[in-house]
C-alpha atoms as a PDB file:
ATOM      1  CA  UNK A   1       9.831  34.568  47.709  1.00  0.00           C
ATOM      2  CA  UNK A   2      10.223  31.797  45.178  1.00  0.00           C
ATOM      3  CA  UNK A   3       7.422  31.589  42.640  1.00  0.00           C
ATOM      4  CA  UNK A   4       6.140  27.992  42.572  1.00  0.00           C
ATOM      5  CA  UNK A   5       3.191  28.712  40.298  1.00  0.00           C
ATOM      6  CA  UNK A   6       3.839  27.356  36.815  1.00  0.00           C
ATOM      7  CA  UNK A   7       1.422  28.373  34.084  1.00  0.00           C
ATOM      8  CA  UNK A   8       1.380  26.196  30.991  1.00  0.00           C
ATOM      9  CA  UNK A   9      -0.970  24.914  28.310  1.00  0.00           C
ATOM     10  CA  UNK A  10      -3.081  21.790  28.831  1.00  0.00           C
ATOM     11  CA  UNK A  11      -3.047  18.879  29.362  1.00  0.00           C
ATOM     12  CA  UNK A  12      -2.053  19.215  33.009  1.00  0.00           C
ATOM     13  CA  UNK A  13      -2.350  15.515  33.955  1.00  0.00           C
ATOM     14  CA  UNK A  14       0.836  13.481  33.750  1.00  0.00           C
ATOM     15  CA  UNK A  15       1.279   9.736  33.994  1.00  0.00           C
ATOM     16  CA  UNK A  16       4.236   7.493  34.719  1.00  0.00           C
ATOM     17  CA  UNK A  17       3.341   5.205  31.805  1.00  0.00           C
ATOM     18  CA  UNK A  18       5.337   5.575  28.611  1.00  0.00           C
ATOM     19  CA  UNK A  19       5.212   3.945  25.202  1.00  0.00           C
ATOM     20  CA  UNK A  20       8.024   1.632  26.262  1.00  0.00           C
ATOM     21  CA  UNK A  21       6.328   0.543  29.493  1.00  0.00           C
ATOM     22  CA  UNK A  22       3.021  -0.065  27.714  1.00  0.00           C
ATOM     23  CA  UNK A  23       4.697  -2.101  24.984  1.00  0.00           C
ATOM     24  CA  UNK A  24       6.599  -4.065  27.622  1.00  0.00           C
ATOM     25  CA  UNK A  25       3.292  -4.979  29.267  1.00  0.00           C
ATOM     26  CA  UNK A  26       1.865  -6.085  25.922  1.00  0.00           C
ATOM     27  CA  UNK A  27       4.914  -8.292  25.311  1.00  0.00           C
ATOM     28  CA  UNK A  28       4.482  -9.875  28.741  1.00  0.00           C
ATOM     29  CA  UNK A  29       0.778 -10.450  28.012  1.00  0.00           C
ATOM     30  CA  UNK A  30       1.654 -12.200  24.733  1.00  0.00           C
ATOM     31  CA  UNK A  31       4.061 -14.659  26.383  1.00  0.00           C
ATOM     32  CA  UNK A  32       1.457 -17.253  27.513  1.00  0.00           C
ATOM     33  CA  UNK A  33       0.220 -17.607  23.916  1.00  0.00           C
ATOM     34  CA  UNK A  34       3.819 -17.781  22.710  1.00  0.00           C
ATOM     35  CA  UNK A  35       4.562 -20.589  25.168  1.00  0.00           C
ATOM     36  CA  UNK A  36       1.517 -22.541  23.956  1.00  0.00           C
ATOM     37  CA  UNK A  37       2.563 -22.043  20.318  1.00  0.00           C
ATOM     38  CA  UNK A  38       5.983 -23.550  21.078  1.00  0.00           C
ATOM     39  CA  UNK A  39       4.334 -26.480  22.858  1.00  0.00           C
ATOM     40  CA  UNK A  40       1.928 -27.126  19.961  1.00  0.00           C
ATOM     41  CA  UNK A  41       4.116 -26.277  16.937  1.00  0.00           C
ATOM     42  CA  UNK A  42       7.672 -26.738  18.210  1.00  0.00           C
ATOM     43  CA  UNK A  43      10.774 -24.908  17.002  1.00  0.00           C
ATOM     44  CA  UNK A  44       8.917 -23.426  14.021  1.00  0.00           C
ATOM     45  CA  UNK A  45       6.984 -21.162  16.399  1.00  0.00           C
ATOM     46  CA  UNK A  46      10.263 -19.728  17.689  1.00  0.00           C
ATOM     47  CA  UNK A  47      11.783 -19.323  14.226  1.00  0.00           C
ATOM     48  CA  UNK A  48       8.727 -17.592  12.751  1.00  0.00           C
ATOM     49  CA  UNK A  49       8.384 -15.251  15.733  1.00  0.00           C
ATOM     50  CA  UNK A  50      12.077 -14.328  15.842  1.00  0.00           C
ATOM     51  CA  UNK A  51      12.146 -13.705  12.085  1.00  0.00           C
ATOM     52  CA  UNK A  52       9.078 -11.510  12.307  1.00  0.00           C
ATOM     53  CA  UNK A  53      10.413  -9.491  15.238  1.00  0.00           C
ATOM     54  CA  UNK A  54      13.869  -9.038  13.692  1.00  0.00           C
ATOM     55  CA  UNK A  55      12.459  -7.970  10.310  1.00  0.00           C
ATOM     56  CA  UNK A  56      10.198  -5.426  12.020  1.00  0.00           C
ATOM     57  CA  UNK A  57      12.966  -3.980  14.194  1.00  0.00           C
ATOM     58  CA  UNK A  58      15.459  -3.833  11.300  1.00  0.00           C
ATOM     59  CA  UNK A  59      12.869  -2.229   9.008  1.00  0.00           C
ATOM     60  CA  UNK A  60      12.144   0.453  11.593  1.00  0.00           C
ATOM     61  CA  UNK A  61      15.843   1.105  12.203  1.00  0.00           C
ATOM     62  CA  UNK A  62      16.669   1.360   8.485  1.00  0.00           C
ATOM     63  CA  UNK A  63      13.707   3.606   7.681  1.00  0.00           C
ATOM     64  CA  UNK A  64      14.493   6.012  10.519  1.00  0.00           C
ATOM     65  CA  UNK A  65      18.117   6.153   9.383  1.00  0.00           C
ATOM     66  CA  UNK A  66      17.172   6.825   5.763  1.00  0.00           C
ATOM     67  CA  UNK A  67      14.641   9.474   6.797  1.00  0.00           C
ATOM     68  CA  UNK A  68      17.166  10.996   9.228  1.00  0.00           C
ATOM     69  CA  UNK A  69      14.717  10.783  12.095  1.00  0.00           C
ATOM     70  CA  UNK A  70      15.285   9.889  15.739  1.00  0.00           C
ATOM     71  CA  UNK A  71      15.492   6.124  16.067  1.00  0.00           C
ATOM     72  CA  UNK A  72      12.508   4.616  17.855  1.00  0.00           C
ATOM     73  CA  UNK A  73      13.330   0.909  18.123  1.00  0.00           C
ATOM     74  CA  UNK A  74      13.845   1.410  21.852  1.00  0.00           C
ATOM     75  CA  UNK A  75      10.122   1.999  22.439  1.00  0.00           C
ATOM     76  CA  UNK A  76       9.498  -1.729  21.693  1.00  0.00           C
ATOM     77  CA  UNK A  77       6.528  -0.996  19.405  1.00  0.00           C
ATOM     78  CA  UNK A  78       8.250  -2.766  16.492  1.00  0.00           C
ATOM     79  CA  UNK A  79       8.807  -5.804  18.721  1.00  0.00           C
ATOM     80  CA  UNK A  80       5.100  -5.909  19.571  1.00  0.00           C
ATOM     81  CA  UNK A  81       4.170  -5.600  15.896  1.00  0.00           C
ATOM     82  CA  UNK A  82       6.549  -8.446  15.068  1.00  0.00           C
ATOM     83  CA  UNK A  83       5.083 -10.768  17.692  1.00  0.00           C
ATOM     84  CA  UNK A  84       1.483 -10.033  16.732  1.00  0.00           C
ATOM     85  CA  UNK A  85       2.295 -10.498  13.045  1.00  0.00           C
ATOM     86  CA  UNK A  86       3.922 -13.864  13.808  1.00  0.00           C
ATOM     87  CA  UNK A  87       0.867 -14.879  15.829  1.00  0.00           C
ATOM     88  CA  UNK A  88      -1.227 -14.317  12.680  1.00  0.00           C
ATOM     89  CA  UNK A  89       0.914 -16.658  10.558  1.00  0.00           C
ATOM     90  CA  UNK A  90       0.927 -20.454  10.150  1.00  0.00           C
ATOM     91  CA  UNK A  91       3.909 -22.377  11.501  1.00  0.00           C
ATOM     92  CA  UNK A  92       4.788 -23.786   8.073  1.00  0.00           C
ATOM     93  CA  UNK A  93       5.202 -20.424   6.307  1.00  0.00           C
ATOM     94  CA  UNK A  94       8.655 -19.882   4.717  1.00  0.00           C
ATOM     95  CA  UNK A  95      10.759 -17.495   6.769  1.00  0.00           C
ATOM     96  CA  UNK A  96      11.506 -15.207   3.804  1.00  0.00           C
ATOM     97  CA  UNK A  97       7.782 -14.538   3.533  1.00  0.00           C
ATOM     98  CA  UNK A  98       7.716 -13.660   7.221  1.00  0.00           C
ATOM     99  CA  UNK A  99      10.516 -11.138   6.603  1.00  0.00           C
ATOM    100  CA  UNK A 100       8.501  -9.561   3.789  1.00  0.00           C
ATOM    101  CA  UNK A 101       5.565  -9.272   6.162  1.00  0.00           C
ATOM    102  CA  UNK A 102       7.707  -7.453   8.720  1.00  0.00           C
ATOM    103  CA  UNK A 103       8.939  -5.033   6.050  1.00  0.00           C
ATOM    104  CA  UNK A 104       5.379  -4.312   4.891  1.00  0.00           C
ATOM    105  CA  UNK A 105       4.126  -3.809   8.454  1.00  0.00           C
ATOM    106  CA  UNK A 106       6.817  -1.355   9.519  1.00  0.00           C
ATOM    107  CA  UNK A 107       8.297   0.238   6.407  1.00  0.00           C
ATOM    108  CA  UNK A 108       5.150   0.626   4.311  1.00  0.00           C
ATOM    109  CA  UNK A 109       2.267   0.770   6.779  1.00  0.00           C
ATOM    110  CA  UNK A 110       3.726   2.286   9.935  1.00  0.00           C
ATOM    111  CA  UNK A 111       6.710   4.480   9.053  1.00  0.00           C
ATOM    112  CA  UNK A 112       5.615   5.861   5.684  1.00  0.00           C
ATOM    113  CA  UNK A 113       2.612   7.365   7.433  1.00  0.00           C
ATOM    114  CA  UNK A 114       4.727   9.026  10.110  1.00  0.00           C
ATOM    115  CA  UNK A 115       5.553   6.298  12.599  1.00  0.00           C
ATOM    116  CA  UNK A 116       3.853   5.242  15.808  1.00  0.00           C
ATOM    117  CA  UNK A 117       0.610   7.099  16.377  1.00  0.00           C
ATOM    118  CA  UNK A 118       0.115   8.052  12.727  1.00  0.00           C
ATOM    119  CA  UNK A 119      -0.621   4.768  10.920  1.00  0.00           C
ATOM    120  CA  UNK A 120      -4.267   4.505   9.875  1.00  0.00           C
ATOM    121  CA  UNK A 121      -4.498   0.695  10.028  1.00  0.00           C
ATOM    122  CA  UNK A 122      -2.972  -1.877  12.341  1.00  0.00           C
ATOM    123  CA  UNK A 123       0.457  -2.723  10.821  1.00  0.00           C
ATOM    124  CA  UNK A 124       0.387  -6.416  11.769  1.00  0.00           C
ATOM    125  CA  UNK A 125      -3.086  -6.930  10.299  1.00  0.00           C
ATOM    126  CA  UNK A 126      -2.216  -5.002   7.153  1.00  0.00           C
ATOM    127  CA  UNK A 127       0.893  -7.138   6.636  1.00  0.00           C
ATOM    128  CA  UNK A 128      -1.065 -10.335   7.254  1.00  0.00           C
ATOM    129  CA  UNK A 129      -3.608  -9.412   4.587  1.00  0.00           C
ATOM    130  CA  UNK A 130      -0.835  -8.520   2.108  1.00  0.00           C
ATOM    131  CA  UNK A 131       0.799 -11.905   2.736  1.00  0.00           C
ATOM    132  CA  UNK A 132      -2.551 -13.681   2.439  1.00  0.00           C
ATOM    133  CA  UNK A 133      -3.271 -12.075  -0.930  1.00  0.00           C
ATOM    134  CA  UNK A 134       0.280 -12.593  -2.212  1.00  0.00           C
ATOM    135  CA  UNK A 135       0.979 -16.097  -0.887  1.00  0.00           C
ATOM    136  CA  UNK A 136      -2.430 -17.695  -0.398  1.00  0.00           C
ATOM    137  CA  UNK A 137      -1.173 -21.298  -0.402  1.00  0.00           C
ATOM    138  CA  UNK A 138       1.554 -20.713   2.184  1.00  0.00           C
ATOM    139  CA  UNK A 139      -0.837 -18.698   4.343  1.00  0.00           C
ATOM    140  CA  UNK A 140      -3.392 -21.510   4.407  1.00  0.00           C
ATOM    141  CA  UNK A 141      -1.081 -24.490   4.975  1.00  0.00           C
ATOM    142  CA  UNK A 142      -1.521 -25.593   8.564  1.00  0.00           C
ATOM    143  CA  UNK A 143       0.672 -27.986  10.531  1.00  0.00           C
ATOM    144  CA  UNK A 144      -1.347 -30.331  12.742  1.00  0.00           C
ATOM    145  CA  UNK A 145      -0.795 -29.994  16.496  1.00  0.00           C
ATOM    146  CA  UNK A 146       2.419 -31.694  17.659  1.00  0.00           C
ATOM    147  CA  UNK A 147       3.284 -32.478  14.035  1.00  0.00           C
ATOM    148  CA  UNK A 148       6.922 -31.697  14.819  1.00  0.00           C
ATOM    149  CA  UNK A 149       7.102 -34.956  16.780  1.00  0.00           C
ATOM    150  CA  UNK A 150       6.689 -36.872  13.523  1.00  0.00           C
ATOM    151  CA  UNK A 151       9.420 -37.464  10.963  1.00  0.00           C
ATOM    152  CA  UNK A 152       7.224 -35.982   8.218  1.00  0.00           C
ATOM    153  CA  UNK A 153       5.315 -32.718   8.392  1.00  0.00           C
ATOM    154  CA  UNK A 154       1.589 -33.421   8.477  1.00  0.00           C
ATOM    155  CA  UNK A 155      -0.835 -30.694   7.481  1.00  0.00           C
ATOM    156  CA  UNK A 156      -4.492 -30.333   8.359  1.00  0.00           C
ATOM    157  CA  UNK A 157      -7.383 -27.876   8.509  1.00  0.00           C
ATOM    158  CA  UNK A 158      -8.216 -25.278  11.125  1.00  0.00           C
ATOM    159  CA  UNK A 159     -11.360 -25.714  13.269  1.00  0.00           C
ATOM    160  CA  UNK A 160     -13.186 -22.999  11.303  1.00  0.00           C
ATOM    161  CA  UNK A 161     -12.244 -24.640   7.996  1.00  0.00           C
ATOM    162  CA  UNK A 162     -13.491 -27.993   9.270  1.00  0.00           C
ATOM    163  CA  UNK A 163     -16.724 -26.365  10.369  1.00  0.00           C
ATOM    164  CA  UNK A 164     -17.184 -24.573   7.029  1.00  0.00           C
ATOM    165  CA  UNK A 165     -16.643 -27.841   5.159  1.00  0.00           C
ATOM    166  CA  UNK A 166     -19.298 -29.561   7.266  1.00  0.00           C
ATOM    167  CA  UNK A 167     -16.837 -31.825   9.043  1.00  0.00           C
ATOM    168  CA  UNK A 168     -18.053 -34.043  11.856  1.00  0.00           C
ATOM    169  CA  UNK A 169     -14.761 -34.655  13.689  1.00  0.00           C
ATOM    170  CA  UNK A 170     -14.606 -31.191  15.198  1.00  0.00           C
ATOM    171  CA  UNK A 171     -12.336 -30.318  18.135  1.00  0.00           C
ATOM    172  CA  UNK A 172     -13.921 -30.280  21.578  1.00  0.00           C
ATOM    173  CA  UNK A 173     -14.440 -27.121  23.602  1.00  0.00           C
ATOM    174  CA  UNK A 174     -11.550 -28.196  25.830  1.00  0.00           C
ATOM    175  CA  UNK A 175      -9.178 -28.523  22.870  1.00  0.00           C
ATOM    176  CA  UNK A 176     -10.287 -25.141  21.549  1.00  0.00           C
ATOM    177  CA  UNK A 177      -9.868 -23.485  24.937  1.00  0.00           C
ATOM    178  CA  UNK A 178      -6.447 -24.945  25.684  1.00  0.00           C
ATOM    179  CA  UNK A 179      -5.129 -24.581  22.130  1.00  0.00           C
ATOM    180  CA  UNK A 180      -4.226 -28.117  21.066  1.00  0.00           C
ATOM    181  CA  UNK A 181      -5.587 -27.430  17.581  1.00  0.00           C
ATOM    182  CA  UNK A 182      -4.348 -26.270  14.188  1.00  0.00           C
ATOM    183  CA  UNK A 183      -4.240 -22.634  13.156  1.00  0.00           C
ATOM    184  CA  UNK A 184      -2.019 -19.581  13.273  1.00  0.00           C
ATOM    185  CA  UNK A 185       0.702 -19.544  15.913  1.00  0.00           C
ATOM    186  CA  UNK A 186      -0.920 -17.274  18.462  1.00  0.00           C
ATOM    187  CA  UNK A 187      -4.608 -17.834  17.913  1.00  0.00           C
ATOM    188  CA  UNK A 188      -5.052 -21.434  19.053  1.00  0.00           C
ATOM    189  CA  UNK A 189      -5.257 -21.077  22.842  1.00  0.00           C
ATOM    190  CA  UNK A 190      -8.178 -19.016  24.132  1.00  0.00           C
ATOM    191  CA  UNK A 191      -6.971 -19.671  27.696  1.00  0.00           C
ATOM    192  CA  UNK A 192      -3.524 -18.164  27.071  1.00  0.00           C
ATOM    193  CA  UNK A 193      -4.974 -15.142  25.264  1.00  0.00           C
ATOM    194  CA  UNK A 194      -7.510 -14.527  28.026  1.00  0.00           C
ATOM    195  CA  UNK A 195      -4.720 -14.722  30.600  1.00  0.00           C
ATOM    196  CA  UNK A 196      -2.812 -12.059  28.689  1.00  0.00           C
ATOM    197  CA  UNK A 197      -5.948  -9.957  28.336  1.00  0.00           C
ATOM    198  CA  UNK A 198      -6.638 -10.071  32.075  1.00  0.00           C
ATOM    199  CA  UNK A 199      -3.060  -8.948  32.716  1.00  0.00           C
ATOM    200  CA  UNK A 200      -3.493  -5.953  30.384  1.00  0.00           C
ATOM    201  CA  UNK A 201      -6.772  -4.979  32.051  1.00  0.00           C
ATOM    202  CA  UNK A 202      -5.216  -5.202  35.523  1.00  0.00           C
ATOM    203  CA  UNK A 203      -2.296  -3.086  34.320  1.00  0.00           C
ATOM    204  CA  UNK A 204      -4.817  -0.658  32.784  1.00  0.00           C
ATOM    205  CA  UNK A 205      -3.179  -0.922  29.402  1.00  0.00           C
ATOM    206  CA  UNK A 206      -6.524  -1.752  27.773  1.00  0.00           C
ATOM    207  CA  UNK A 207     -10.175  -1.447  28.709  1.00  0.00           C
ATOM    208  CA  UNK A 208     -12.273  -4.636  28.621  1.00  0.00           C
ATOM    209  CA  UNK A 209     -14.990  -2.733  26.718  1.00  0.00           C
ATOM    210  CA  UNK A 210     -13.820  -3.460  23.163  1.00  0.00           C
ATOM    211  CA  UNK A 211     -12.856  -7.143  23.650  1.00  0.00           C
ATOM    212  CA  UNK A 212     -16.071  -7.940  25.526  1.00  0.00           C
ATOM    213  CA  UNK A 213     -18.319  -6.206  22.985  1.00  0.00           C
ATOM    214  CA  UNK A 214     -16.402  -7.652  20.015  1.00  0.00           C
ATOM    215  CA  UNK A 215     -16.638 -11.239  21.294  1.00  0.00           C
ATOM    216  CA  UNK A 216     -20.165 -10.699  22.602  1.00  0.00           C
ATOM    217  CA  UNK A 217     -21.371  -9.412  19.229  1.00  0.00           C
ATOM    218  CA  UNK A 218     -19.981 -12.468  17.446  1.00  0.00           C
ATOM    219  CA  UNK A 219     -21.632 -14.695  20.061  1.00  0.00           C
ATOM    220  CA  UNK A 220     -25.050 -13.059  19.635  1.00  0.00           C
ATOM    221  CA  UNK A 221     -25.069 -12.903  15.830  1.00  0.00           C
ATOM    222  CA  UNK A 222     -23.726 -16.428  15.296  1.00  0.00           C
ATOM    223  CA  UNK A 223     -26.308 -17.746  17.761  1.00  0.00           C
ATOM    224  CA  UNK A 224     -29.038 -15.849  15.887  1.00  0.00           C
ATOM    225  CA  UNK A 225     -27.883 -17.446  12.612  1.00  0.00           C
ATOM    226  CA  UNK A 226     -28.080 -20.924  14.086  1.00  0.00           C
ATOM    227  CA  UNK A 227     -24.360 -21.581  14.600  1.00  0.00           C
ATOM    228  CA  UNK A 228     -22.702 -22.827  17.764  1.00  0.00           C
ATOM    229  CA  UNK A 229     -21.638 -19.500  19.339  1.00  0.00           C
ATOM    230  CA  UNK A 230     -19.175 -21.051  21.796  1.00  0.00           C
ATOM    231  CA  UNK A 231     -17.389 -22.844  18.962  1.00  0.00           C
ATOM    232  CA  UNK A 232     -17.248 -19.606  16.985  1.00  0.00           C
ATOM    233  CA  UNK A 233     -15.712 -17.478  19.733  1.00  0.00           C
ATOM    234  CA  UNK A 234     -13.132 -20.129  20.672  1.00  0.00           C
ATOM    235  CA  UNK A 235     -12.101 -20.760  17.060  1.00  0.00           C
ATOM    236  CA  UNK A 236      -9.902 -18.762  14.731  1.00  0.00           C
ATOM    237  CA  UNK A 237      -8.363 -15.424  15.564  1.00  0.00           C
ATOM    238  CA  UNK A 238     -11.284 -13.863  17.431  1.00  0.00           C
ATOM    239  CA  UNK A 239      -9.662 -13.796  20.879  1.00  0.00           C
ATOM    240  CA  UNK A 240      -6.312 -12.651  19.481  1.00  0.00           C
ATOM    241  CA  UNK A 241      -7.962  -9.925  17.416  1.00  0.00           C
ATOM    242  CA  UNK A 242     -10.349  -8.721  20.109  1.00  0.00           C
ATOM    243  CA  UNK A 243      -7.739  -8.507  22.878  1.00  0.00           C
ATOM    244  CA  UNK A 244      -4.533  -7.506  21.111  1.00  0.00           C
ATOM    245  CA  UNK A 245      -5.463  -5.905  17.775  1.00  0.00           C
ATOM    246  CA  UNK A 246      -8.834  -4.197  18.118  1.00  0.00           C
ATOM    247  CA  UNK A 247      -7.535  -2.412  21.235  1.00  0.00           C
ATOM    248  CA  UNK A 248      -4.645  -0.713  19.417  1.00  0.00           C
ATOM    249  CA  UNK A 249      -4.526   2.916  20.594  1.00  0.00           C
ATOM    250  CA  UNK A 250      -3.732   4.447  17.217  1.00  0.00           C
ATOM    251  CA  UNK A 251      -6.275   2.665  15.031  1.00  0.00           C
ATOM    252  CA  UNK A 252      -9.294   2.485  17.357  1.00  0.00           C
ATOM    253  CA  UNK A 253     -11.648   5.294  18.456  1.00  0.00           C
ATOM    254  CA  UNK A 254     -10.813   7.443  21.465  1.00  0.00           C
ATOM    255  CA  UNK A 255     -14.342   7.994  22.812  1.00  0.00           C
ATOM    256  CA  UNK A 256     -16.390   5.466  24.768  1.00  0.00           C
ATOM    257  CA  UNK A 257     -19.277   5.622  22.303  1.00  0.00           C
ATOM    258  CA  UNK A 258     -16.801   5.291  19.455  1.00  0.00           C
ATOM    259  CA  UNK A 259     -15.280   2.181  21.022  1.00  0.00           C
ATOM    260  CA  UNK A 260     -18.751   0.653  21.339  1.00  0.00           C
ATOM    261  CA  UNK A 261     -19.523   1.324  17.670  1.00  0.00           C
ATOM    262  CA  UNK A 262     -16.085   0.034  16.658  1.00  0.00           C
ATOM    263  CA  UNK A 263     -16.345  -3.215  18.640  1.00  0.00           C
ATOM    264  CA  UNK A 264     -19.880  -4.015  17.503  1.00  0.00           C
ATOM    265  CA  UNK A 265     -18.885  -3.245  13.908  1.00  0.00           C
ATOM    266  CA  UNK A 266     -15.914  -5.608  14.154  1.00  0.00           C
ATOM    267  CA  UNK A 267     -18.111  -8.365  15.554  1.00  0.00           C
ATOM    268  CA  UNK A 268     -20.826  -7.874  12.959  1.00  0.00           C
ATOM    269  CA  UNK A 269     -18.421  -7.885   9.981  1.00  0.00           C
ATOM    270  CA  UNK A 270     -16.599 -10.933  11.373  1.00  0.00           C
ATOM    271  CA  UNK A 271     -19.890 -12.819  11.594  1.00  0.00           C
ATOM    272  CA  UNK A 272     -20.978 -11.810   8.088  1.00  0.00           C
ATOM    273  CA  UNK A 273     -17.685 -12.982   6.562  1.00  0.00           C
ATOM    274  CA  UNK A 274     -17.726 -16.261   8.485  1.00  0.00           C
ATOM    275  CA  UNK A 275     -21.367 -16.991   7.728  1.00  0.00           C
ATOM    276  CA  UNK A 276     -21.654 -15.855   4.108  1.00  0.00           C
ATOM    277  CA  UNK A 277     -18.112 -15.491   2.751  1.00  0.00           C
ATOM    278  CA  UNK A 278     -15.954 -18.073   1.030  1.00  0.00           C
ATOM    279  CA  UNK A 279     -13.183 -17.537   3.611  1.00  0.00           C
ATOM    280  CA  UNK A 280     -13.904 -19.208   6.979  1.00  0.00           C
ATOM    281  CA  UNK A 281     -12.174 -16.476   9.012  1.00  0.00           C
ATOM    282  CA  UNK A 282     -13.049 -12.791   9.116  1.00  0.00           C
ATOM    283  CA  UNK A 283     -11.411 -11.139  12.112  1.00  0.00           C
ATOM    284  CA  UNK A 284      -8.499  -9.437  10.321  1.00  0.00           C
ATOM    285  CA  UNK A 285     -10.679  -8.074   7.529  1.00  0.00           C
ATOM    286  CA  UNK A 286     -13.264  -6.840  10.038  1.00  0.00           C
ATOM    287  CA  UNK A 287     -10.719  -4.987  12.165  1.00  0.00           C
ATOM    288  CA  UNK A 288      -8.961  -3.376   9.206  1.00  0.00           C
ATOM    289  CA  UNK A 289     -12.278  -2.185   7.727  1.00  0.00           C
ATOM    290  CA  UNK A 290     -13.214  -0.626  11.060  1.00  0.00           C
ATOM    291  CA  UNK A 291      -9.695   0.880  11.321  1.00  0.00           C
ATOM    292  CA  UNK A 292     -10.362   2.714   8.070  1.00  0.00           C
ATOM    293  CA  UNK A 293     -13.557   4.334   9.342  1.00  0.00           C
ATOM    294  CA  UNK A 294     -12.185   5.100  12.815  1.00  0.00           C
ATOM    295  CA  UNK A 295     -11.521   8.788  11.945  1.00  0.00           C
ATOM    296  CA  UNK A 296     -15.157   9.088  10.880  1.00  0.00           C
ATOM    297  CA  UNK A 297     -16.329   7.449  14.115  1.00  0.00           C
ATOM    298  CA  UNK A 298     -14.173   9.834  16.143  1.00  0.00           C
ATOM    299  CA  UNK A 299     -15.492  12.817  14.200  1.00  0.00           C
ATOM    300  CA  UNK A 300     -19.122  12.092  15.068  1.00  0.00           C
ATOM    301  CA  UNK A 301     -18.629  10.870  18.643  1.00  0.00           C
ATOM    302  CA  UNK A 302     -16.228  13.488  20.005  1.00  0.00           C
ATOM    303  CA  UNK A 303     -17.842  15.668  22.637  1.00  0.00           C
ATOM    304  CA  UNK A 304     -17.400  19.438  22.775  1.00  0.00           C
ATOM    305  CA  UNK A 305     -15.730  21.044  25.802  1.00  0.00           C
ATOM    306  CA  UNK A 306     -18.164  22.422  28.377  1.00  0.00           C
ATOM    307  CA  UNK A 307     -19.082  25.999  27.499  1.00  0.00           C
ATOM    308  CA  UNK A 308     -17.557  25.872  24.047  1.00  0.00           C
ATOM    309  CA  UNK A 309     -19.428  27.608  21.245  1.00  0.00           C
ATOM    310  CA  UNK A 310     -19.639  25.778  17.954  1.00  0.00           C
ATOM    311  CA  UNK A 311     -18.636  28.167  15.169  1.00  0.00           C
ATOM    312  CA  UNK A 312     -20.370  27.737  11.848  1.00  0.00           C
ATOM    313  CA  UNK A 313     -18.003  27.780   8.863  1.00  0.00           C
ATOM    314  CA  UNK A 314     -18.292  30.824   6.604  1.00  0.00           C
ATOM    315  CA  UNK A 315     -19.065  30.043   2.974  1.00  0.00           C
ATOM    316  CA  UNK A 316     -16.798  31.524   0.325  1.00  0.00           C
ATOM    317  CA  UNK A 317     -18.249  34.699  -1.082  1.00  0.00           C
ATOM    318  CA  UNK A 318     -20.750  34.945   1.759  1.00  0.00           C
ATOM    319  CA  UNK A 319     -21.231  37.707   4.297  1.00  0.00           C
ATOM    320  CA  UNK A 320     -18.699  37.740   7.159  1.00  0.00           C
END
């Protein structure tokens, strides 16, 4: 009689999803925001995004070759990093700076720490912050919506910058929601980002817990401080960060309680930076700070298996 009983170590639950299929879903979810960026910023949106993606993929390929490791560009994670990095950049940024950002994201932040699953901060956010510190002027030069239709490039301020400066001619809620405003490529349209987020939730790629708590925390704290909470959640990179960056598997907690702490922490830090800092935006800095303490959150929120006995460590020189 054939023995059909297979004994093996856990886990015993398998799933048809793979890294490639998950990354493919994320790419699909990012396409509505990409389409809006092309509509608002023209050919520059395509050039910046392609440069970012190519620099990320090439950096991953070269590193894996140098390190004599199995090449992983086929899992599409470098493509996702490239798109998200591009979405965090202004349309007017020089393309050579974009290429540097892709190198930093993949070569220095992702691969040097072991590759996918081992990086301690989100590669796209880390690269954005490096570019912001290194090239502050280029990273804060914003093309006005539909500026490509003019013979000369016209620059302007983002909605959050206008708000911080006490401007009166602020964009309407409709403009903020649809994305016909200035800003980074992928952050302008809340509608497009929400559409992508709903797709990821339906596909069970992400849980709505972190995005909802992140955005909700910003809403509550900005309202408590006397700001317009709707304007705050529709402006800047909050939707992009909450849906596509704070939900990163590697750099966010794995427990439900940990995710709650992480999301609320991101929202609180974002609000503090926006309300009291000299920089009108705070999403990237908030997420990367919470990325850093994610191992600590996991350590104190992980549950013990049922029936497991917690063993106390034996001190050196003590009785055994």
